[in-house]
Amino acid sequence: MELSIDLDATDLRILDQLQRDASLSNQDLAAAIHTSPATCLRRVKRLVDSGVIERRVAILSAQKLGAGLSAFAEVSLDKQGAEHIAAFEARAVAEPGVQQCHRVSSGPDLMLLLQLEDMAAYHALVQRLFTQDANVRNVKTFFSVHRAKFDPSIRLPITA
């Protein structure tokens, strides 16, 4: 694994703890990783400034907030030019119901992870994003019937 920043064992312990609970105070984080609060604060700032920590968020329950319809949409476009893919991608990422948007190889052009309230919200998104775009050739959507695992953490390298 190639890293864009040199990370030592203390950095990795910080990242591991923050992936588990980003709401920890600096004092609690420092205690958990066995370092001083000043060192911990300095290192977290460096990790943020370098882009290793992109942002800190709360992971919400889609079910409890009424957005329990999860779907994966494969999108194939007619025109494959960079400007055409970028134009569709920009529209997709602006859609609140699109949780993730990935360009993929060997198959469709893009994969979208959708998180919506219900089938009516899905239908409205289809009309806005897919049906009205003449460059969308094909959309194949798969609806999640059971989520066996959801873990947004990144596997960290093991240090000695």
Protein backbone atom coordinates (compact mmCIF):
# COMPACT_ATOMS: atom_id res chain seq x y z
CA MET A 1 0.00 0.00 0.00
CA GLU A 2 1.47 3.33 -1.05
CA LEU A 3 0.83 6.23 1.31
CA SER A 4 0.89 9.86 0.27
CA ILE A 5 2.07 10.87 3.75
CA ASP A 6 4.39 9.13 6.18
CA LEU A 7 2.32 7.67 8.99
CA ASP A 8 3.81 6.21 12.13
CA ALA A 9 2.18 3.98 14.75
CA THR A 10 0.79 6.97 16.67
CA ASP A 11 -0.84 8.38 13.52
CA LEU A 12 -2.37 5.00 12.77
CA ARG A 13 -3.74 4.70 16.32
CA ILE A 14 -5.30 8.16 15.95
CA LEU A 15 -6.89 7.20 12.64
CA ASP A 16 -8.14 3.90 14.04
CA GLN A 17 -9.76 5.62 17.02
CA LEU A 18 -11.32 8.38 14.91
CA GLN A 19 -12.77 5.81 12.50
CA ARG A 20 -14.46 4.17 15.46
CA ASP A 21 -15.65 7.41 17.09
CA ALA A 22 -14.90 10.82 15.59
CA SER A 23 -16.74 12.55 18.41
CA LEU A 24 -13.94 11.91 20.91
CA SER A 25 -12.59 15.05 22.53
CA ASN A 26 -8.89 15.71 22.05
CA GLN A 27 -8.33 14.78 25.72
CA ASP A 28 -10.13 11.44 25.33
CA LEU A 29 -8.41 10.69 22.03
CA ALA A 30 -4.99 11.42 23.53
CA ALA A 31 -5.74 9.13 26.49
CA ALA A 32 -6.94 6.34 24.17
CA ILE A 33 -3.76 6.41 22.08
CA HIS A 34 -1.43 7.00 25.03
CA THR A 35 0.00 10.37 24.05
CA SER A 36 -0.21 13.94 25.33
CA PRO A 37 -3.15 16.14 24.31
CA ALA A 38 -0.77 18.64 22.64
CA THR A 39 0.87 15.91 20.54
CA CYS A 40 -2.52 14.45 19.66
CA LEU A 41 -3.92 17.83 18.59
CA ARG A 42 -0.86 18.60 16.46
CA ARG A 43 -1.01 15.21 14.75
CA VAL A 44 -4.75 15.39 14.05
CA LYS A 45 -4.26 18.86 12.53
CA ARG A 46 -1.49 17.46 10.31
CA LEU A 47 -3.72 14.57 9.23
CA VAL A 48 -6.52 17.01 8.38
CA ASP A 49 -4.21 19.47 6.61
CA SER A 50 -2.65 16.69 4.52
CA GLY A 51 -6.08 15.39 3.46
CA VAL A 52 -5.71 11.99 5.15
CA ILE A 53 -8.75 12.96 7.24
CA GLU A 54 -11.16 14.34 4.66
CA ARG A 55 -13.95 15.22 7.09
CA ARG A 56 -15.59 14.06 10.29
CA VAL A 57 -19.25 13.06 10.11
CA ALA A 58 -21.99 11.33 12.04
CA ILE A 59 -23.34 8.15 10.44
CA LEU A 60 -27.11 8.35 10.55
CA SER A 61 -29.73 5.60 10.41
CA ALA A 62 -31.46 5.86 7.04
CA GLN A 63 -34.24 3.57 8.30
CA LYS A 64 -35.01 5.71 11.35
CA LEU A 65 -34.95 8.91 9.30
CA GLY A 66 -37.34 7.65 6.63
CA ALA A 67 -34.81 7.09 3.85
CA GLY A 68 -34.86 3.31 3.93
CA LEU A 69 -34.78 2.59 0.19
CA SER A 70 -31.24 1.74 -0.90
CA ALA A 71 -30.47 1.03 -4.53
CA PHE A 72 -27.48 0.56 -6.81
CA ALA A 73 -27.87 1.95 -10.32
CA GLU A 74 -25.66 1.00 -13.26
CA VAL A 75 -25.69 3.86 -15.77
CA SER A 76 -24.48 3.52 -19.36
CA LEU A 77 -24.15 6.61 -21.54
CA ASP A 78 -24.41 6.88 -25.33
CA LYS A 79 -21.60 9.38 -25.73
CA GLN A 80 -18.41 8.38 -23.93
CA GLY A 81 -16.40 11.58 -24.27
CA ALA A 82 -14.88 13.01 -21.11
CA GLU A 83 -17.11 16.09 -21.30
CA HIS A 84 -20.28 13.94 -21.61
CA ILE A 85 -19.36 11.73 -18.67
CA ALA A 86 -18.37 14.77 -16.60
CA ALA A 87 -21.68 16.50 -17.41
CA PHE A 88 -23.74 13.52 -16.25
CA GLU A 89 -21.50 13.04 -13.22
CA ALA A 90 -22.01 16.70 -12.20
CA ARG A 91 -25.79 16.28 -12.39
CA ALA A 92 -25.64 13.02 -10.43
CA VAL A 93 -23.52 14.41 -7.58
CA ALA A 94 -25.87 17.40 -7.28
CA GLU A 95 -28.80 15.02 -6.63
CA PRO A 96 -29.47 14.66 -2.89
CA GLY A 97 -30.63 11.04 -3.32
CA VAL A 98 -27.29 10.03 -4.85
CA GLN A 99 -25.09 9.04 -1.93
CA GLN A 100 -22.12 7.85 -3.99
CA CYS A 101 -21.12 8.16 -7.63
CA HIS A 102 -18.31 6.11 -9.15
CA ARG A 103 -16.92 5.89 -12.67
CA VAL A 104 -16.27 2.22 -13.30
CA SER A 105 -14.56 0.08 -15.90
CA SER A 106 -15.59 -3.01 -17.77
CA GLY A 107 -19.35 -2.57 -17.77
CA PRO A 108 -21.50 0.47 -17.20
CA ASP A 109 -19.96 3.95 -17.19
CA LEU A 110 -21.07 4.86 -13.68
CA MET A 111 -22.39 3.18 -10.55
CA LEU A 112 -24.59 5.19 -8.24
CA LEU A 113 -25.54 4.34 -4.68
CA LEU A 114 -28.97 5.80 -4.06
CA GLN A 115 -30.54 6.41 -0.64
CA LEU A 116 -34.15 7.50 -0.90
CA GLU A 117 -37.37 7.70 1.10
CA ASP A 118 -39.45 5.32 -0.99
CA MET A 119 -40.34 4.15 -4.49
CA ALA A 120 -42.05 7.46 -5.30
CA ALA A 121 -38.82 9.31 -4.51
CA TYR A 122 -36.92 6.81 -6.68
CA HIS A 123 -39.34 7.39 -9.56
CA ALA A 124 -38.92 11.19 -9.24
CA LEU A 125 -35.12 10.79 -9.30
CA VAL A 126 -35.37 8.57 -12.39
CA GLN A 127 -37.38 11.27 -14.16
CA ARG A 128 -34.94 14.05 -13.23
CA LEU A 129 -31.65 12.25 -13.67
CA PHE A 130 -32.14 9.51 -16.22
CA THR A 131 -35.25 10.00 -18.37
CA GLN A 132 -34.65 13.67 -19.17
CA ASP A 133 -31.02 13.09 -20.20
CA ALA A 134 -30.75 12.11 -23.88
CA ASN A 135 -27.23 10.78 -23.29
CA VAL A 136 -28.41 8.09 -20.85
CA ARG A 137 -28.59 4.88 -22.87
CA ASN A 138 -29.39 2.36 -20.16
CA VAL A 139 -30.01 2.22 -16.42
CA LYS A 140 -30.17 -1.01 -14.46
CA THR A 141 -31.15 -0.62 -10.82
CA PHE A 142 -30.77 -3.17 -8.04
CA PHE A 143 -32.69 -2.62 -4.80
CA SER A 144 -31.20 -3.67 -1.50
CA VAL A 145 -33.44 -6.08 0.38
CA HIS A 146 -31.02 -6.65 3.25
CA ARG A 147 -27.82 -4.94 4.33
CA ALA A 148 -25.53 -7.54 5.88
CA LYS A 149 -22.62 -5.16 6.43
CA PHE A 150 -21.93 -1.46 6.36
CA ASP A 151 -18.51 -0.30 7.48
CA PRO A 152 -17.12 2.97 6.13
CA SER A 153 -13.74 2.51 7.79
CA ILE A 154 -10.54 2.13 5.80
CA ARG A 155 -8.27 -0.79 6.55
CA LEU A 156 -5.08 0.65 7.97
CA PRO A 157 -1.58 -0.77 7.49
CA ILE A 158 -0.20 -2.76 10.39
CA THR A 159 2.94 -1.35 12.01
CA ALA A 160 5.42 -3.10 14.24
